[in-house]
PDB file of all heavy atoms in Angstrom:
ATOM      1  N   LEU A   1      11.730  -9.169   6.032  1.00  0.00           N
ATOM      2  CA  LEU A   1      11.237  -7.914   6.690  1.00  0.00           C
ATOM      3  C   LEU A   1       9.664  -8.057   6.578  1.00  0.00           C
ATOM      4  O   LEU A   1       9.198  -8.741   5.604  1.00  0.00           O
ATOM      5  CB  LEU A   1      11.616  -6.690   5.857  1.00  0.00           C
ATOM      6  CG  LEU A   1      13.050  -6.153   6.066  1.00  0.00           C
ATOM      7  CD1 LEU A   1      13.301  -4.992   5.213  1.00  0.00           C
ATOM      8  CD2 LEU A   1      13.166  -5.592   7.609  1.00  0.00           C
ATOM      9  N   ARG A   2       9.052  -7.418   7.411  1.00  0.00           N
ATOM     10  CA  ARG A   2       7.520  -7.351   7.310  1.00  0.00           C
ATOM     11  C   ARG A   2       7.201  -5.884   7.250  1.00  0.00           C
ATOM     12  O   ARG A   2       7.365  -5.079   8.083  1.00  0.00           O
ATOM     13  CB  ARG A   2       6.893  -8.040   8.537  1.00  0.00           C
ATOM     14  CG  ARG A   2       5.381  -8.151   8.399  1.00  0.00           C
ATOM     15  CD  ARG A   2       4.766  -8.575   9.636  1.00  0.00           C
ATOM     16  NE  ARG A   2       3.442  -9.105   9.589  1.00  0.00           N
ATOM     17  CZ  ARG A   2       2.473  -9.146  10.537  1.00  0.00           C
ATOM     18  NH1 ARG A   2       2.863  -8.595  11.816  1.00  0.00           N
ATOM     19  NH2 ARG A   2       1.298  -9.630  10.358  1.00  0.00           N
ATOM     20  N   LEU A   3       6.405  -5.553   6.189  1.00  0.00           N
ATOM     21  CA  LEU A   3       5.915  -4.195   6.052  1.00  0.00           C
ATOM     22  C   LEU A   3       4.357  -4.122   6.534  1.00  0.00           C
ATOM     23  O   LEU A   3       3.653  -5.203   6.296  1.00  0.00           O
ATOM     24  CB  LEU A   3       5.947  -3.785   4.568  1.00  0.00           C
ATOM     25  CG  LEU A   3       7.267  -3.799   3.869  1.00  0.00           C
ATOM     26  CD1 LEU A   3       7.179  -3.208   2.467  1.00  0.00           C
ATOM     27  CD2 LEU A   3       8.313  -3.058   4.713  1.00  0.00           C
ATOM     28  N   SER A   4       3.987  -3.066   7.079  1.00  0.00           N
ATOM     29  CA  SER A   4       2.540  -2.912   7.470  1.00  0.00           C
ATOM     30  C   SER A   4       2.056  -1.579   6.889  1.00  0.00           C
ATOM     31  O   SER A   4       2.772  -0.593   6.675  1.00  0.00           O
ATOM     32  CB  SER A   4       2.490  -2.798   9.052  1.00  0.00           C
ATOM     33  OG  SER A   4       2.874  -3.959   9.580  1.00  0.00           O
ATOM     34  N   CYS A   5       0.770  -1.503   6.634  1.00  0.00           N
ATOM     35  CA  CYS A   5       0.111  -0.326   6.123  1.00  0.00           C
ATOM     36  C   CYS A   5      -1.191  -0.255   6.785  1.00  0.00           C
ATOM     37  O   CYS A   5      -2.056  -1.103   6.559  1.00  0.00           O
ATOM     38  CB  CYS A   5       0.120  -0.386   4.655  1.00  0.00           C
ATOM     39  SG  CYS A   5      -0.848   1.145   3.936  1.00  0.00           S
ATOM     40  N   ALA A   6      -1.500   0.767   7.573  1.00  0.00           N
ATOM     41  CA  ALA A   6      -2.806   0.907   8.212  1.00  0.00           C
ATOM     42  C   ALA A   6      -3.506   2.152   7.690  1.00  0.00           C
ATOM     43  O   ALA A   6      -2.996   3.231   7.547  1.00  0.00           O
ATOM     44  CB  ALA A   6      -2.590   1.144   9.701  1.00  0.00           C
ATOM     45  N   ALA A   7      -4.793   1.891   7.290  1.00  0.00           N
ATOM     46  CA  ALA A   7      -5.588   2.951   6.804  1.00  0.00           C
ATOM     47  C   ALA A   7      -6.469   3.519   7.999  1.00  0.00           C
ATOM     48  O   ALA A   7      -6.856   2.801   8.876  1.00  0.00           O
ATOM     49  CB  ALA A   7      -6.621   2.443   5.715  1.00  0.00           C
ATOM     50  N   SER A   8      -6.639   4.861   8.085  1.00  0.00           N
ATOM     51  CA  SER A   8      -7.311   5.384   9.148  1.00  0.00           C
ATOM     52  C   SER A   8      -8.334   6.424   8.659  1.00  0.00           C
ATOM     53  O   SER A   8      -8.119   6.841   7.524  1.00  0.00           O
ATOM     54  CB  SER A   8      -6.431   5.985  10.331  1.00  0.00           C
ATOM     55  OG  SER A   8      -5.662   6.989   9.589  1.00  0.00           O
ATOM     56  N   GLY A   9      -9.323   6.832   9.513  1.00  0.00           N
ATOM     57  CA  GLY A   9     -10.301   7.734   9.009  1.00  0.00           C
ATOM     58  C   GLY A   9     -11.600   7.057   8.815  1.00  0.00           C
ATOM     59  O   GLY A   9     -11.888   5.909   9.341  1.00  0.00           O
ATOM     60  N   SER A  10     -12.494   7.668   7.991  1.00  0.00           N
ATOM     61  CA  SER A  10     -13.756   7.210   7.777  1.00  0.00           C
ATOM     62  C   SER A  10     -13.761   6.061   6.643  1.00  0.00           C
ATOM     63  O   SER A  10     -14.246   6.249   5.595  1.00  0.00           O
ATOM     64  CB  SER A  10     -14.701   8.298   7.326  1.00  0.00           C
ATOM     65  OG  SER A  10     -14.825   9.287   8.380  1.00  0.00           O
ATOM     66  N   ILE A  11     -13.213   4.927   7.105  1.00  0.00           N
ATOM     67  CA  ILE A  11     -13.077   3.741   6.152  1.00  0.00           C
ATOM     68  C   ILE A  11     -14.140   2.856   6.605  1.00  0.00           C
ATOM     69  O   ILE A  11     -14.211   2.289   7.750  1.00  0.00           O
ATOM     70  CB  ILE A  11     -11.748   3.153   6.288  1.00  0.00           C
ATOM     71  CG1 ILE A  11     -10.608   4.029   5.926  1.00  0.00           C
ATOM     72  CG2 ILE A  11     -11.713   1.912   5.366  1.00  0.00           C
ATOM     73  CD1 ILE A  11     -10.548   4.478   4.459  1.00  0.00           C
ATOM     74  N   PHE A  12     -15.086   2.425   5.740  1.00  0.00           N
ATOM     75  CA  PHE A  12     -16.124   1.475   6.084  1.00  0.00           C
ATOM     76  C   PHE A  12     -15.951   0.148   5.422  1.00  0.00           C
ATOM     77  O   PHE A  12     -16.428  -0.863   6.014  1.00  0.00           O
ATOM     78  CB  PHE A  12     -17.499   2.088   5.649  1.00  0.00           C
ATOM     79  CG  PHE A  12     -17.779   3.431   6.371  1.00  0.00           C
ATOM     80  CD1 PHE A  12     -17.642   4.490   5.692  1.00  0.00           C
ATOM     81  CD2 PHE A  12     -18.139   3.330   7.683  1.00  0.00           C
ATOM     82  CE1 PHE A  12     -17.941   5.786   6.358  1.00  0.00           C
ATOM     83  CE2 PHE A  12     -18.469   4.572   8.340  1.00  0.00           C
ATOM     84  CZ  PHE A  12     -18.347   5.749   7.647  1.00  0.00           C
ATOM     85  N   SER A  13     -15.365   0.050   4.285  1.00  0.00           N
ATOM     86  CA  SER A  13     -15.071  -1.173   3.717  1.00  0.00           C
ATOM     87  C   SER A  13     -13.805  -1.152   2.783  1.00  0.00           C
ATOM     88  O   SER A  13     -13.697  -0.188   2.197  1.00  0.00           O
ATOM     89  CB  SER A  13     -16.302  -1.790   2.911  1.00  0.00           C
ATOM     90  OG  SER A  13     -16.572  -0.856   1.769  1.00  0.00           O
ATOM     91  N   ILE A  14     -13.206  -2.115   2.735  1.00  0.00           N
ATOM     92  CA  ILE A  14     -12.005  -2.264   1.836  1.00  0.00           C
ATOM     93  C   ILE A  14     -12.220  -3.255   0.666  1.00  0.00           C
ATOM     94  O   ILE A  14     -12.655  -4.460   0.903  1.00  0.00           O
ATOM     95  CB  ILE A  14     -10.799  -2.573   2.542  1.00  0.00           C
ATOM     96  CG1 ILE A  14     -10.368  -1.493   3.661  1.00  0.00           C
ATOM     97  CG2 ILE A  14      -9.493  -2.899   1.664  1.00  0.00           C
ATOM     98  CD1 ILE A  14      -9.194  -1.850   4.508  1.00  0.00           C
ATOM     99  N   ASN A  15     -11.919  -2.764  -0.437  1.00  0.00           N
ATOM    100  CA  ASN A  15     -12.249  -3.659  -1.761  1.00  0.00           C
ATOM    101  C   ASN A  15     -10.894  -4.375  -2.113  1.00  0.00           C
ATOM    102  O   ASN A  15     -10.986  -5.497  -2.481  1.00  0.00           O
ATOM    103  CB  ASN A  15     -12.585  -2.784  -2.756  1.00  0.00           C
ATOM    104  CG  ASN A  15     -13.878  -1.889  -2.478  1.00  0.00           C
ATOM    105  OD1 ASN A  15     -13.846  -0.703  -2.453  1.00  0.00           O
ATOM    106  ND2 ASN A  15     -14.987  -2.628  -2.307  1.00  0.00           N
ATOM    107  N   ALA A  16      -9.766  -3.710  -1.992  1.00  0.00           N
ATOM    108  CA  ALA A  16      -8.519  -4.281  -2.373  1.00  0.00           C
ATOM    109  C   ALA A  16      -7.417  -3.625  -1.685  1.00  0.00           C
ATOM    110  O   ALA A  16      -7.396  -2.376  -1.379  1.00  0.00           O
ATOM    111  CB  ALA A  16      -8.307  -4.195  -3.875  1.00  0.00           C
ATOM    112  N   MET A  17      -6.302  -4.377  -1.537  1.00  0.00           N
ATOM    113  CA  MET A  17      -5.096  -3.886  -0.962  1.00  0.00           C
ATOM    114  C   MET A  17      -3.964  -4.351  -1.770  1.00  0.00           C
ATOM    115  O   MET A  17      -3.781  -5.469  -2.114  1.00  0.00           O
ATOM    116  CB  MET A  17      -4.943  -4.311   0.531  1.00  0.00           C
ATOM    117  CG  MET A  17      -6.070  -3.789   1.448  1.00  0.00           C
ATOM    118  SD  MET A  17      -5.922  -4.295   3.148  1.00  0.00           S
ATOM    119  CE  MET A  17      -6.540  -5.976   3.051  1.00  0.00           C
ATOM    120  N   LYS A  18      -2.933  -3.419  -1.928  1.00  0.00           N
ATOM    121  CA  LYS A  18      -1.901  -3.920  -2.869  1.00  0.00           C
ATOM    122  C   LYS A  18      -0.588  -3.218  -2.338  1.00  0.00           C
ATOM    123  O   LYS A  18      -0.532  -2.155  -1.531  1.00  0.00           O
ATOM    124  CB  LYS A  18      -2.059  -3.267  -4.306  1.00  0.00           C
ATOM    125  CG  LYS A  18      -3.351  -3.731  -4.916  1.00  0.00           C
ATOM    126  CD  LYS A  18      -3.559  -3.098  -6.225  1.00  0.00           C
ATOM    127  CE  LYS A  18      -4.946  -3.428  -6.802  1.00  0.00           C
ATOM    128  NZ  LYS A  18      -5.262  -2.569  -8.004  1.00  0.00           N
ATOM    129  N   TRP A  19       0.534  -3.842  -2.751  1.00  0.00           N
ATOM    130  CA  TRP A  19       1.909  -3.292  -2.536  1.00  0.00           C
ATOM    131  C   TRP A  19       2.591  -3.018  -3.851  1.00  0.00           C
ATOM    132  O   TRP A  19       2.548  -3.939  -4.637  1.00  0.00           O
ATOM    133  CB  TRP A  19       2.628  -4.242  -1.667  1.00  0.00           C
ATOM    134  CG  TRP A  19       2.311  -4.118  -0.134  1.00  0.00           C
ATOM    135  CD1 TRP A  19       1.470  -5.058   0.386  1.00  0.00           C
ATOM    136  CD2 TRP A  19       2.803  -3.326   0.736  1.00  0.00           C
ATOM    137  NE1 TRP A  19       1.380  -4.729   1.773  1.00  0.00           N
ATOM    138  CE2 TRP A  19       2.121  -3.634   2.014  1.00  0.00           C
ATOM    139  CE3 TRP A  19       3.587  -2.146   0.829  1.00  0.00           C
ATOM    140  CZ2 TRP A  19       2.348  -2.928   3.213  1.00  0.00           C
ATOM    141  CZ3 TRP A  19       3.725  -1.496   1.983  1.00  0.00           C
ATOM    142  CH2 TRP A  19       3.168  -1.903   3.228  1.00  0.00           C
ATOM    143  N   TYR A  20       3.140  -1.861  -4.040  1.00  0.00           N
ATOM    144  CA  TYR A  20       3.932  -1.525  -5.149  1.00  0.00           C
ATOM    145  C   TYR A  20       5.379  -1.244  -4.673  1.00  0.00           C
ATOM    146  O   TYR A  20       5.549  -1.008  -3.551  1.00  0.00           O
ATOM    147  CB  TYR A  20       3.350  -0.324  -5.921  1.00  0.00           C
ATOM    148  CG  TYR A  20       2.033  -0.496  -6.536  1.00  0.00           C
ATOM    149  CD1 TYR A  20       0.840  -0.396  -5.817  1.00  0.00           C
ATOM    150  CD2 TYR A  20       2.033  -0.609  -7.933  1.00  0.00           C
ATOM    151  CE1 TYR A  20      -0.362  -0.633  -6.564  1.00  0.00           C
ATOM    152  CE2 TYR A  20       0.855  -0.793  -8.658  1.00  0.00           C
ATOM    153  CZ  TYR A  20      -0.367  -0.817  -7.954  1.00  0.00           C
ATOM    154  OH  TYR A  20      -1.562  -0.945  -8.577  1.00  0.00           O
ATOM    155  N   ARG A  21       6.353  -1.204  -5.634  1.00  0.00           N
ATOM    156  CA  ARG A  21       7.705  -0.782  -5.287  1.00  0.00           C
ATOM    157  C   ARG A  21       8.183   0.020  -6.463  1.00  0.00           C
ATOM    158  O   ARG A  21       7.906  -0.213  -7.655  1.00  0.00           O
ATOM    159  CB  ARG A  21       8.541  -1.930  -4.898  1.00  0.00           C
ATOM    160  CG  ARG A  21       8.891  -2.965  -6.075  1.00  0.00           C
ATOM    161  CD  ARG A  21       9.562  -4.119  -5.522  1.00  0.00           C
ATOM    162  NE  ARG A  21       9.978  -5.098  -6.673  1.00  0.00           N
ATOM    163  CZ  ARG A  21      10.471  -6.244  -6.294  1.00  0.00           C
ATOM    164  NH1 ARG A  21      10.774  -6.661  -5.077  1.00  0.00           N
ATOM    165  NH2 ARG A  21      10.806  -7.073  -7.270  1.00  0.00           N
ATOM    166  N   GLN A  22       9.170   0.839  -6.157  1.00  0.00           N
ATOM    167  CA  GLN A  22       9.838   1.566  -7.172  1.00  0.00           C
ATOM    168  C   GLN A  22      11.334   1.707  -6.807  1.00  0.00           C
ATOM    169  O   GLN A  22      11.714   2.258  -5.837  1.00  0.00           O
ATOM    170  CB  GLN A  22       9.174   3.031  -7.276  1.00  0.00           C
ATOM    171  CG  GLN A  22       9.847   3.773  -8.413  1.00  0.00           C
ATOM    172  CD  GLN A  22       8.950   5.044  -8.829  1.00  0.00           C
ATOM    173  OE1 GLN A  22       8.175   5.511  -7.936  1.00  0.00           O
ATOM    174  NE2 GLN A  22       9.149   5.585 -10.012  1.00  0.00           N
ATOM    175  N   ALA A  23      12.166   1.013  -7.664  1.00  0.00           N
ATOM    176  CA  ALA A  23      13.526   1.147  -7.604  1.00  0.00           C
ATOM    177  C   ALA A  23      14.149   2.407  -8.286  1.00  0.00           C
ATOM    178  O   ALA A  23      13.375   2.856  -9.234  1.00  0.00           O
ATOM    179  CB  ALA A  23      14.211  -0.070  -8.112  1.00  0.00           C
ATOM    180  N   PRO A  24      15.280   2.868  -7.928  1.00  0.00           N
ATOM    181  CA  PRO A  24      15.854   3.975  -8.561  1.00  0.00           C
ATOM    182  C   PRO A  24      16.017   3.836 -10.040  1.00  0.00           C
ATOM    183  O   PRO A  24      16.460   2.872 -10.545  1.00  0.00           O
ATOM    184  CB  PRO A  24      17.194   4.101  -7.957  1.00  0.00           C
ATOM    185  CG  PRO A  24      17.084   3.491  -6.565  1.00  0.00           C
ATOM    186  CD  PRO A  24      16.102   2.313  -6.785  1.00  0.00           C
ATOM    187  N   GLY A  25      15.473   4.858 -10.875  1.00  0.00           N
ATOM    188  CA  GLY A  25      15.483   4.805 -12.298  1.00  0.00           C
ATOM    189  C   GLY A  25      14.512   3.887 -12.943  1.00  0.00           C
ATOM    190  O   GLY A  25      14.557   3.587 -14.105  1.00  0.00           O
ATOM    191  N   LYS A  26      13.610   3.215 -12.132  1.00  0.00           N
ATOM    192  CA  LYS A  26      12.706   2.338 -12.701  1.00  0.00           C
ATOM    193  C   LYS A  26      11.236   2.772 -12.477  1.00  0.00           C
ATOM    194  O   LYS A  26      11.024   3.629 -11.560  1.00  0.00           O
ATOM    195  CB  LYS A  26      12.835   0.953 -12.166  1.00  0.00           C
ATOM    196  CG  LYS A  26      14.191   0.365 -12.550  1.00  0.00           C
ATOM    197  CD  LYS A  26      14.246  -1.204 -12.021  1.00  0.00           C
ATOM    198  CE  LYS A  26      15.628  -1.829 -12.581  1.00  0.00           C
ATOM    199  NZ  LYS A  26      15.687  -3.225 -12.190  1.00  0.00           N
ATOM    200  N   GLN A  27      10.297   2.276 -13.252  1.00  0.00           N
ATOM    201  CA  GLN A  27       8.936   2.515 -12.983  1.00  0.00           C
ATOM    202  C   GLN A  27       8.422   1.798 -11.759  1.00  0.00           C
ATOM    203  O   GLN A  27       8.862   0.749 -11.383  1.00  0.00           O
ATOM    204  CB  GLN A  27       8.120   2.157 -14.230  1.00  0.00           C
ATOM    205  CG  GLN A  27       8.346   3.085 -15.435  1.00  0.00           C
ATOM    206  CD  GLN A  27       7.383   2.803 -16.574  1.00  0.00           C
ATOM    207  OE1 GLN A  27       6.884   1.626 -16.715  1.00  0.00           O
ATOM    208  NE2 GLN A  27       7.050   3.700 -17.392  1.00  0.00           N
ATOM    209  N   ARG A  28       7.325   2.393 -11.161  1.00  0.00           N
ATOM    210  CA  ARG A  28       6.590   1.730 -10.128  1.00  0.00           C
ATOM    211  C   ARG A  28       6.094   0.444 -10.637  1.00  0.00           C
ATOM    212  O   ARG A  28       5.298   0.448 -11.708  1.00  0.00           O
ATOM    213  CB  ARG A  28       5.605   2.579  -9.497  1.00  0.00           C
ATOM    214  CG  ARG A  28       4.953   2.184  -8.172  1.00  0.00           C
ATOM    215  CD  ARG A  28       4.048   3.117  -7.488  1.00  0.00           C
ATOM    216  NE  ARG A  28       4.876   4.385  -7.134  1.00  0.00           N
ATOM    217  CZ  ARG A  28       4.399   5.364  -6.388  1.00  0.00           C
ATOM    218  NH1 ARG A  28       3.055   5.303  -5.969  1.00  0.00           N
ATOM    219  NH2 ARG A  28       5.112   6.431  -6.077  1.00  0.00           N
TER     220      ARG A  28
END
């Protein structure tokens, strides 16, 4: 699978991008 995440609005520079996940009953 391929996930995408697009930021919109007054974004001028991006410092870092991350992906997290949270399974049922577990911490992110």
